[in-house]
């Protein structure tokens, strides 16, 4: 019986070693595939970095006329996309501001109606339509009683501030 178990163990060992060998070969295949993938990615990164440098205007001395034309076309396409996006954003902002203006005009109209409905007599602006201009002129006109003398230091006996 003991011999039987020993042969079973040996058979299991042989099967397992074959499986491990098969796994090692598949691991080698996976490792080779990953190495190729990594090297392909490195090449792509290098190409992208070179393209980025060209778009930024670096290293153009070595480029041919055709390559420079391609770079110029790429830049023009990018600029047109940027301008289109900018115009779209500006249009959206203008639409928002117009909606805000409408809302404010409506609020202003409602407040005027409320003011006219609650007042028993004419409002100050209704009584004197030029009142706003009068107030603006009052604040815009120069004042004669403002002292404009400037002195630096402590006041002296002869230069006391006027009261």
C-alpha atoms as a PDB file:
ATOM      1  CA  UNK A   1       0.000   0.000   0.000  1.00  0.00           C
ATOM      2  CA  UNK A   2       2.799   2.322   0.800  1.00  0.00           C
ATOM      3  CA  UNK A   3       4.318   1.729  -2.638  1.00  0.00           C
ATOM      4  CA  UNK A   4       1.063   2.608  -4.250  1.00  0.00           C
ATOM      5  CA  UNK A   5       0.973   5.916  -2.488  1.00  0.00           C
ATOM      6  CA  UNK A   6       4.535   6.620  -3.459  1.00  0.00           C
ATOM      7  CA  UNK A   7       3.788   5.986  -7.139  1.00  0.00           C
ATOM      8  CA  UNK A   8       0.720   8.184  -6.892  1.00  0.00           C
ATOM      9  CA  UNK A   9       2.819  10.932  -5.402  1.00  0.00           C
ATOM     10  CA  UNK A  10       5.411  10.553  -8.144  1.00  0.00           C
ATOM     11  CA  UNK A  11       2.697  10.704 -10.819  1.00  0.00           C
ATOM     12  CA  UNK A  12       1.187  13.788  -9.247  1.00  0.00           C
ATOM     13  CA  UNK A  13       4.640  15.361  -9.108  1.00  0.00           C
ATOM     14  CA  UNK A  14       5.227  14.602 -12.791  1.00  0.00           C
ATOM     15  CA  UNK A  15       1.838  16.050 -13.772  1.00  0.00           C
ATOM     16  CA  UNK A  16       2.433  19.141 -11.695  1.00  0.00           C
ATOM     17  CA  UNK A  17       5.921  19.698 -13.088  1.00  0.00           C
ATOM     18  CA  UNK A  18       4.487  19.486 -16.616  1.00  0.00           C
ATOM     19  CA  UNK A  19       1.840  22.051 -15.705  1.00  0.00           C
ATOM     20  CA  UNK A  20       4.443  24.381 -14.213  1.00  0.00           C
ATOM     21  CA  UNK A  21       6.575  23.963 -17.338  1.00  0.00           C
ATOM     22  CA  UNK A  22       3.569  24.816 -19.497  1.00  0.00           C
ATOM     23  CA  UNK A  23       2.837  27.820 -17.273  1.00  0.00           C
ATOM     24  CA  UNK A  24       6.448  28.959 -17.564  1.00  0.00           C
ATOM     25  CA  UNK A  25       6.264  28.867 -21.355  1.00  0.00           C
ATOM     26  CA  UNK A  26       2.987  30.825 -21.309  1.00  0.00           C
ATOM     27  CA  UNK A  27       4.549  33.250 -18.806  1.00  0.00           C
ATOM     28  CA  UNK A  28       7.453  33.679 -21.200  1.00  0.00           C
ATOM     29  CA  UNK A  29       5.007  34.384 -24.022  1.00  0.00           C
ATOM     30  CA  UNK A  30       3.153  36.932 -21.885  1.00  0.00           C
ATOM     31  CA  UNK A  31       6.445  38.566 -20.887  1.00  0.00           C
ATOM     32  CA  UNK A  32       7.542  38.824 -24.518  1.00  0.00           C
ATOM     33  CA  UNK A  33       4.177  40.289 -25.506  1.00  0.00           C
ATOM     34  CA  UNK A  34       4.347  42.850 -22.707  1.00  0.00           C
ATOM     35  CA  UNK A  35       7.913  43.784 -23.687  1.00  0.00           C
ATOM     36  CA  UNK A  36       6.831  44.353 -27.300  1.00  0.00           C
ATOM     37  CA  UNK A  37       3.823  46.380 -26.146  1.00  0.00           C
ATOM     38  CA  UNK A  38       6.038  48.526 -23.892  1.00  0.00           C
ATOM     39  CA  UNK A  39       8.512  49.197 -26.698  1.00  0.00           C
ATOM     40  CA  UNK A  40       5.642  50.110 -29.066  1.00  0.00           C
ATOM     41  CA  UNK A  41       4.283  52.517 -26.478  1.00  0.00           C
ATOM     42  CA  UNK A  42       7.724  54.084 -26.013  1.00  0.00           C
ATOM     43  CA  UNK A  43       7.926  54.701 -29.770  1.00  0.00           C
ATOM     44  CA  UNK A  44       4.460  56.245 -29.790  1.00  0.00           C
ATOM     45  CA  UNK A  45       5.389  58.499 -26.872  1.00  0.00           C
ATOM     46  CA  UNK A  46       8.545  59.623 -28.674  1.00  0.00           C
ATOM     47  CA  UNK A  47       6.544  60.418 -31.818  1.00  0.00           C
ATOM     48  CA  UNK A  48       3.963  62.352 -29.801  1.00  0.00           C
ATOM     49  CA  UNK A  49       6.668  64.318 -28.008  1.00  0.00           C
ATOM     50  CA  UNK A  50       8.355  65.151 -31.330  1.00  0.00           C
ATOM     51  CA  UNK A  51       5.009  66.270 -32.755  1.00  0.00           C
ATOM     52  CA  UNK A  52       4.359  68.376 -29.657  1.00  0.00           C
ATOM     53  CA  UNK A  53       7.782  70.038 -29.974  1.00  0.00           C
ATOM     54  CA  UNK A  54       7.109  70.827 -33.636  1.00  0.00           C
ATOM     55  CA  UNK A  55       3.704  72.319 -32.783  1.00  0.00           C
ATOM     56  CA  UNK A  56       5.406  74.453 -30.148  1.00  0.00           C
ATOM     57  CA  UNK A  57       7.918  75.627 -32.744  1.00  0.00           C
ATOM     58  CA  UNK A  58      10.900  73.741 -31.358  1.00  0.00           C
ATOM     59  CA  UNK A  59      13.283  71.786 -33.591  1.00  0.00           C
ATOM     60  CA  UNK A  60      11.859  73.079 -36.866  1.00  0.00           C
ATOM     61  CA  UNK A  61      15.315  73.583 -38.328  1.00  0.00           C
ATOM     62  CA  UNK A  62      15.545  69.930 -39.344  1.00  0.00           C
ATOM     63  CA  UNK A  63      12.053  69.747 -40.876  1.00  0.00           C
ATOM     64  CA  UNK A  64      11.474  69.631 -44.610  1.00  0.00           C
ATOM     65  CA  UNK A  65       9.083  71.975 -46.402  1.00  0.00           C
ATOM     66  CA  UNK A  66       6.412  69.250 -46.480  1.00  0.00           C
ATOM     67  CA  UNK A  67       6.724  68.673 -42.737  1.00  0.00           C
ATOM     68  CA  UNK A  68       6.515  72.402 -42.080  1.00  0.00           C
ATOM     69  CA  UNK A  69       3.405  72.584 -44.267  1.00  0.00           C
ATOM     70  CA  UNK A  70       1.854  69.753 -42.250  1.00  0.00           C
ATOM     71  CA  UNK A  71       2.659  71.534 -38.997  1.00  0.00           C
ATOM     72  CA  UNK A  72       1.149  74.750 -40.345  1.00  0.00           C
ATOM     73  CA  UNK A  73      -2.032  72.902 -41.383  1.00  0.00           C
ATOM     74  CA  UNK A  74      -2.297  71.303 -37.935  1.00  0.00           C
ATOM     75  CA  UNK A  75      -1.904  74.683 -36.255  1.00  0.00           C
ATOM     76  CA  UNK A  76      -4.534  76.255 -38.520  1.00  0.00           C
ATOM     77  CA  UNK A  77      -7.003  73.417 -37.778  1.00  0.00           C
ATOM     78  CA  UNK A  78      -6.358  73.798 -34.063  1.00  0.00           C
ATOM     79  CA  UNK A  79      -6.858  77.548 -34.240  1.00  0.00           C
ATOM     80  CA  UNK A  80     -10.135  77.165 -36.095  1.00  0.00           C
ATOM     81  CA  UNK A  81     -11.386  74.706 -33.435  1.00  0.00           C
ATOM     82  CA  UNK A  82     -10.267  77.079 -30.680  1.00  0.00           C
ATOM     83  CA  UNK A  83     -11.985  80.043 -32.330  1.00  0.00           C
ATOM     84  CA  UNK A  84     -15.173  78.034 -32.858  1.00  0.00           C
ATOM     85  CA  UNK A  85     -15.226  77.034 -29.186  1.00  0.00           C
ATOM     86  CA  UNK A  86     -14.516  80.597 -28.086  1.00  0.00           C
ATOM     87  CA  UNK A  87     -17.326  81.935 -30.291  1.00  0.00           C
ATOM     88  CA  UNK A  88     -19.685  79.298 -28.907  1.00  0.00           C
ATOM     89  CA  UNK A  89     -18.837  80.293 -25.328  1.00  0.00           C
ATOM     90  CA  UNK A  90     -19.241  83.995 -26.130  1.00  0.00           C
ATOM     91  CA  UNK A  91     -22.626  83.345 -27.770  1.00  0.00           C
ATOM     92  CA  UNK A  92     -23.771  81.379 -24.719  1.00  0.00           C
ATOM     93  CA  UNK A  93     -22.629  84.210 -22.431  1.00  0.00           C
ATOM     94  CA  UNK A  94     -24.437  86.796 -24.578  1.00  0.00           C
ATOM     95  CA  UNK A  95     -27.612  84.703 -24.449  1.00  0.00           C
ATOM     96  CA  UNK A  96     -27.345  84.477 -20.670  1.00  0.00           C
ATOM     97  CA  UNK A  97     -26.820  88.239 -20.386  1.00  0.00           C
ATOM     98  CA  UNK A  98     -29.802  88.927 -22.658  1.00  0.00           C
ATOM     99  CA  UNK A  99     -31.982  86.678 -20.508  1.00  0.00           C
ATOM    100  CA  UNK A 100     -30.725  88.492 -17.406  1.00  0.00           C
ATOM    101  CA  UNK A 101     -31.472  91.844 -19.058  1.00  0.00           C
ATOM    102  CA  UNK A 102     -35.039  90.715 -19.845  1.00  0.00           C
ATOM    103  CA  UNK A 103     -35.518  89.572 -16.279  1.00  0.00           C
ATOM    104  CA  UNK A 104     -34.205  92.849 -14.892  1.00  0.00           C
ATOM    105  CA  UNK A 105     -36.372  94.903 -17.250  1.00  0.00           C
ATOM    106  CA  UNK A 106     -39.412  92.902 -16.164  1.00  0.00           C
ATOM    107  CA  UNK A 107     -38.514  93.398 -12.493  1.00  0.00           C
ATOM    108  CA  UNK A 108     -38.067  97.133 -13.156  1.00  0.00           C
ATOM    109  CA  UNK A 109     -41.471  97.317 -14.868  1.00  0.00           C
ATOM    110  CA  UNK A 110     -43.133  95.530 -11.936  1.00  0.00           C
ATOM    111  CA  UNK A 111     -41.484  97.877  -9.438  1.00  0.00           C
ATOM    112  CA  UNK A 112     -42.635 100.920 -11.422  1.00  0.00           C
ATOM    113  CA  UNK A 113     -46.186  99.595 -11.488  1.00  0.00           C
ATOM    114  CA  UNK A 114     -46.039  98.926  -7.767  1.00  0.00           C
ATOM    115  CA  UNK A 115     -44.641 102.403  -7.087  1.00  0.00           C
ATOM    116  CA  UNK A 116     -47.247 104.093  -9.250  1.00  0.00           C
ATOM    117  CA  UNK A 117     -50.036 102.023  -7.723  1.00  0.00           C
ATOM    118  CA  UNK A 118     -49.123 102.776  -4.093  1.00  0.00           C
ATOM    119  CA  UNK A 119     -48.324 106.488  -4.339  1.00  0.00           C
ATOM    120  CA  UNK A 120     -51.099 109.038  -3.832  1.00  0.00           C
ATOM    121  CA  UNK A 121     -49.288 111.887  -5.531  1.00  0.00           C
ATOM    122  CA  UNK A 122     -46.606 112.230  -8.147  1.00  0.00           C
ATOM    123  CA  UNK A 123     -43.211 110.795  -7.332  1.00  0.00           C
ATOM    124  CA  UNK A 124     -40.268 113.194  -7.085  1.00  0.00           C
ATOM    125  CA  UNK A 125     -39.091 112.162 -10.535  1.00  0.00           C
ATOM    126  CA  UNK A 126     -42.577 112.627 -11.968  1.00  0.00           C
ATOM    127  CA  UNK A 127     -42.930 116.079 -10.402  1.00  0.00           C
ATOM    128  CA  UNK A 128     -39.592 117.246 -11.750  1.00  0.00           C
ATOM    129  CA  UNK A 129     -38.372 115.206 -14.734  1.00  0.00           C
ATOM    130  CA  UNK A 130     -35.059 117.078 -14.799  1.00  0.00           C
ATOM    131  CA  UNK A 131     -34.416 116.388 -11.104  1.00  0.00           C
ATOM    132  CA  UNK A 132     -31.866 113.678 -11.863  1.00  0.00           C
ATOM    133  CA  UNK A 133     -29.921 116.075 -14.065  1.00  0.00           C
ATOM    134  CA  UNK A 134     -30.056 118.722 -11.332  1.00  0.00           C
ATOM    135  CA  UNK A 135     -28.662 116.300  -8.772  1.00  0.00           C
ATOM    136  CA  UNK A 136     -25.886 115.212 -11.129  1.00  0.00           C
ATOM    137  CA  UNK A 137     -24.961 118.817 -11.881  1.00  0.00           C
ATOM    138  CA  UNK A 138     -24.887 119.619  -8.170  1.00  0.00           C
ATOM    139  CA  UNK A 139     -22.364 116.866  -7.505  1.00  0.00           C
ATOM    140  CA  UNK A 140     -20.393 117.509 -10.697  1.00  0.00           C
ATOM    141  CA  UNK A 141     -19.984 121.281 -10.138  1.00  0.00           C
ATOM    142  CA  UNK A 142     -16.811 122.476  -8.382  1.00  0.00           C
ATOM    143  CA  UNK A 143     -17.256 123.555  -4.774  1.00  0.00           C
ATOM    144  CA  UNK A 144     -15.844 126.948  -3.847  1.00  0.00           C
ATOM    145  CA  UNK A 145     -15.487 126.258  -0.136  1.00  0.00           C
ATOM    146  CA  UNK A 146     -13.018 123.391  -0.506  1.00  0.00           C
ATOM    147  CA  UNK A 147      -9.473 124.232   0.600  1.00  0.00           C
ATOM    148  CA  UNK A 148      -6.884 122.906  -1.819  1.00  0.00           C
ATOM    149  CA  UNK A 149      -3.686 124.120  -0.120  1.00  0.00           C
ATOM    150  CA  UNK A 150      -1.296 121.302   0.614  1.00  0.00           C
ATOM    151  CA  UNK A 151       1.452 121.439   3.175  1.00  0.00           C
ATOM    152  CA  UNK A 152       3.713 118.791   4.621  1.00  0.00           C
ATOM    153  CA  UNK A 153       4.753 118.692   8.251  1.00  0.00           C
ATOM    154  CA  UNK A 154       3.385 120.155  11.431  1.00  0.00           C
ATOM    155  CA  UNK A 155       1.291 123.301  11.175  1.00  0.00           C
ATOM    156  CA  UNK A 156       3.245 126.469  11.912  1.00  0.00           C
ATOM    157  CA  UNK A 157       1.880 129.598  13.620  1.00  0.00           C
ATOM    158  CA  UNK A 158       1.306 131.422  10.394  1.00  0.00           C
ATOM    159  CA  UNK A 159      -0.125 128.376   8.629  1.00  0.00           C
ATOM    160  CA  UNK A 160      -2.918 127.224  10.884  1.00  0.00           C
ATOM    161  CA  UNK A 161      -5.755 125.481   9.082  1.00  0.00           C
ATOM    162  CA  UNK A 162      -8.702 127.688   8.285  1.00  0.00           C
ATOM    163  CA  UNK A 163     -11.857 127.044  10.208  1.00  0.00           C
END
